[in-house]
Structures are given as structure tokens and as C-alpha cells.
C-alpha atoms as a PDB file:
ATOM      1  CA  VAL A   1      -7.707 -19.510 -50.344  1.00  0.00           C
ATOM      2  CA  ALA A   2      -5.630 -22.301 -51.725  1.00  0.00           C
ATOM      3  CA  ILE A   3      -7.105 -24.579 -53.618  1.00  0.00           C
ATOM      4  CA  TYR A   4      -5.722 -27.978 -54.541  1.00  0.00           C
ATOM      5  CA  ASP A   5      -6.655 -30.587 -56.716  1.00  0.00           C
ATOM      6  CA  GLU A   6      -5.405 -34.619 -55.490  1.00  0.00           C
ATOM      7  CA  GLY A   7      -3.125 -32.631 -53.165  1.00  0.00           C
ATOM      8  CA  LYS A   8      -1.076 -30.031 -55.382  1.00  0.00           C
ATOM      9  CA  LEU A   9      -2.083 -27.047 -54.958  1.00  0.00           C
ATOM     10  CA  VAL A  10      -3.509 -25.832 -58.694  1.00  0.00           C
ATOM     11  CA  MET A  11      -4.783 -22.133 -57.277  1.00  0.00           C
ATOM     12  CA  LEU A  12      -4.411 -19.097 -54.849  1.00  0.00           C
ATOM     13  CA  ALA A  13      -7.365 -16.698 -54.854  1.00  0.00           C
ATOM     14  CA  ARG A  14      -8.093 -14.028 -52.640  1.00  0.00           C
ATOM     15  CA  ALA A  15     -11.427 -11.849 -52.537  1.00  0.00           C
ATOM     16  CA  VAL A  16     -11.869  -8.234 -51.813  1.00  0.00           C
ATOM     17  CA  ILE A  17     -15.133  -6.860 -50.258  1.00  0.00           C
ATOM     18  CA  PRO A  18     -15.213  -2.603 -49.637  1.00  0.00           C
ATOM     19  CA  PHE A  19     -15.625  -1.921 -46.129  1.00  0.00           C
ATOM     20  CA  ASN A  20     -18.471   0.026 -46.137  1.00  0.00           C
ATOM     21  CA  HIS A  21     -20.534  -3.078 -47.874  1.00  0.00           C
ATOM     22  CA  PHE A  22     -18.880  -5.970 -45.469  1.00  0.00           C
ATOM     23  CA  TYR A  23     -20.198  -4.070 -42.392  1.00  0.00           C
ATOM     24  CA  SER A  24     -23.743  -2.646 -43.689  1.00  0.00           C
ATOM     25  CA  ARG A  25     -26.606  -3.944 -42.229  1.00  0.00           C
ATOM     26  CA  GLN A  26     -27.637  -4.799 -45.501  1.00  0.00           C
ATOM     27  CA  ASN A  27     -24.522  -6.990 -45.917  1.00  0.00           C
ATOM     28  CA  PRO A  28     -25.272  -9.852 -48.549  1.00  0.00           C
ATOM     29  CA  TYR A  29     -21.445 -11.464 -48.049  1.00  0.00           C
ATOM     30  CA  LYS A  30     -22.749 -12.805 -44.130  1.00  0.00           C
ATOM     31  CA  PHE A  31     -24.548 -15.755 -45.673  1.00  0.00           C
ATOM     32  CA  LEU A  32     -21.246 -17.036 -47.197  1.00  0.00           C
ATOM     33  CA  LYS A  33     -20.259 -18.716 -44.607  1.00  0.00           C
ATOM     34  CA  ASN A  34     -18.247 -22.070 -45.440  1.00  0.00           C
ATOM     35  CA  GLN A  35     -19.839 -21.843 -49.074  1.00  0.00           C
ATOM     36  CA  PRO A  36     -17.565 -21.706 -51.699  1.00  0.00           C
ATOM     37  CA  LEU A  37     -17.764 -18.213 -53.434  1.00  0.00           C
ATOM     38  CA  GLY A  38     -18.944 -19.325 -57.091  1.00  0.00           C
ATOM     39  CA  HIS A  39     -21.552 -20.985 -55.615  1.00  0.00           C
ATOM     40  CA  TRP A  40     -22.710 -18.296 -53.782  1.00  0.00           C
ATOM     41  CA  LEU A  41     -21.837 -15.355 -56.503  1.00  0.00           C
ATOM     42  CA  PHE A  42     -23.915 -17.512 -59.066  1.00  0.00           C
ATOM     43  CA  LYS A  43     -26.899 -17.288 -57.271  1.00  0.00           C
ATOM     44  CA  PHE A  44     -28.208 -13.638 -57.930  1.00  0.00           C
ATOM     45  CA  PRO A  45     -29.870 -13.269 -61.257  1.00  0.00           C
ATOM     46  CA  HIS A  46     -28.216  -9.329 -61.889  1.00  0.00           C
ATOM     47  CA  LEU A  47     -24.942 -10.804 -60.968  1.00  0.00           C
ATOM     48  CA  LYS A  48     -22.597  -8.828 -63.804  1.00  0.00           C
ATOM     49  CA  ARG A  49     -19.265  -9.753 -63.908  1.00  0.00           C
ATOM     50  CA  LEU A  50     -17.141  -7.651 -65.990  1.00  0.00           C
ATOM     51  CA  PRO A  51     -14.268  -8.221 -68.262  1.00  0.00           C
ATOM     52  CA  PHE A  52     -11.508 -10.374 -67.309  1.00  0.00           C
ATOM     53  CA  GLN A  53      -7.776  -8.947 -66.325  1.00  0.00           C
ATOM     54  CA  PHE A  54      -5.163 -11.011 -67.026  1.00  0.00           C
ATOM     55  CA  SER A  55      -1.714 -10.715 -65.940  1.00  0.00           C
ATOM     56  CA  HIS A  56       1.543 -12.719 -65.095  1.00  0.00           C
ATOM     57  CA  LEU A  57       3.729 -12.900 -62.367  1.00  0.00           C
ATOM     58  CA  ARG A  58       7.678 -14.116 -63.102  1.00  0.00           C
ATOM     59  CA  ASN A  59       9.708 -15.218 -60.691  1.00  0.00           C
ATOM     60  CA  PHE A  60       6.931 -16.294 -58.323  1.00  0.00           C
ATOM     61  CA  SER A  61       7.324 -18.409 -55.149  1.00  0.00           C
ATOM     62  CA  LEU A  62       5.350 -19.735 -52.699  1.00  0.00           C
ATOM     63  CA  ASN A  63       8.334 -20.942 -50.009  1.00  0.00           C
ATOM     64  CA  GLU A  64      12.179 -21.503 -51.345  1.00  0.00           C
ATOM     65  CA  ASN A  65      11.350 -24.966 -52.290  1.00  0.00           C
ATOM     66  CA  GLN A  66       8.542 -24.234 -54.801  1.00  0.00           C
ATOM     67  CA  LYS A  67       9.822 -21.897 -57.612  1.00  0.00           C
ATOM     68  CA  SER A  68       8.184 -21.172 -60.525  1.00  0.00           C
ATOM     69  CA  ASN A  69       9.532 -18.923 -63.581  1.00  0.00           C
ATOM     70  CA  LEU A  70       5.681 -17.473 -64.684  1.00  0.00           C
ATOM     71  CA  LYS A  71       1.932 -17.505 -63.045  1.00  0.00           C
ATOM     72  CA  PHE A  72      -0.913 -16.575 -64.754  1.00  0.00           C
ATOM     73  CA  VAL A  73      -2.957 -14.062 -62.692  1.00  0.00           C
ATOM     74  CA  ARG A  74      -6.394 -13.157 -63.438  1.00  0.00           C
ATOM     75  CA  ARG A  75      -9.105 -10.629 -61.784  1.00  0.00           C
ATOM     76  CA  SER A  76     -12.276 -10.158 -61.994  1.00  0.00           C
ATOM     77  CA  LEU A  77     -15.191  -7.584 -60.589  1.00  0.00           C
ATOM     78  CA  PHE A  78     -18.318  -8.473 -59.763  1.00  0.00           C
ATOM     79  CA  LYS A  79     -21.148  -6.356 -59.183  1.00  0.00           C
ATOM     80  CA  VAL A  80     -24.526  -7.216 -57.350  1.00  0.00           C
ATOM     81  CA  SER A  81     -26.786  -3.964 -57.073  1.00  0.00           C
ATOM     82  CA  ASP A  82     -24.767  -1.363 -55.552  1.00  0.00           C
ATOM     83  CA  ASN A  83     -22.678  -4.449 -54.023  1.00  0.00           C
ATOM     84  CA  GLN A  84     -18.899  -4.976 -55.538  1.00  0.00           C
ATOM     85  CA  LEU A  85     -16.526  -7.998 -55.109  1.00  0.00           C
ATOM     86  CA  LEU A  86     -12.915  -8.356 -56.329  1.00  0.00           C
ATOM     87  CA  LEU A  87     -11.695 -11.460 -57.363  1.00  0.00           C
ATOM     88  CA  THR A  88      -7.888 -12.484 -57.819  1.00  0.00           C
ATOM     89  CA  GLU A  89      -7.001 -15.685 -58.531  1.00  0.00           C
ATOM     90  CA  ILE A  90      -3.127 -17.071 -59.384  1.00  0.00           C
ATOM     91  CA  PHE A  91      -2.897 -20.283 -61.655  1.00  0.00           C
ATOM     92  CA  VAL A  92      -0.127 -22.094 -60.687  1.00  0.00           C
END
């Protein structure tokens, strides 16, 4: 997902859902549809977000015209009951 602010790209995000949870009968993600992930995630009272992991990318570029020396990356693992979701965000 690309997130823009006033037409400028500010973040790239990717959510990874385990295959066995996504295709299970009790798939908690099927109700997400077009809702923002954060709006949906924080509806769960038992949601646990494990500590952030931070890193950076050097010489990251989306294309030849947009290059940057350093991008910050944040990774979060969410747990709701037995379900997990890994969220990776690149701050552009």
C-alpha cells in the first residue's frame, strides 16, 4: 500500500498474513475489505502488538527519478488470539 500526503508519497506498507489463517473458516481478515488496516486492527480488545523492530535501507529507490540515501523501516507483529499479522512500513 502506498500512502500519500498532499500528493507526496510518505509511506509504503505491506501486511503479511499466514496462509493457513487467511484461508481458514474463522478468517478474521475477511471483514477487512477496503477498510484501513489500523481501523480494523484496533477494534480487537485483546490485540497485542509486539515491540517494534527498526532498521534502515540505504540507496533505496522506487524508480530512477526518485532516489534517497536513507529510508527508515518499522516492523510490527500483531497477535489476536491465535492469529498473527506482520506489518512492514517504509517511511519515505
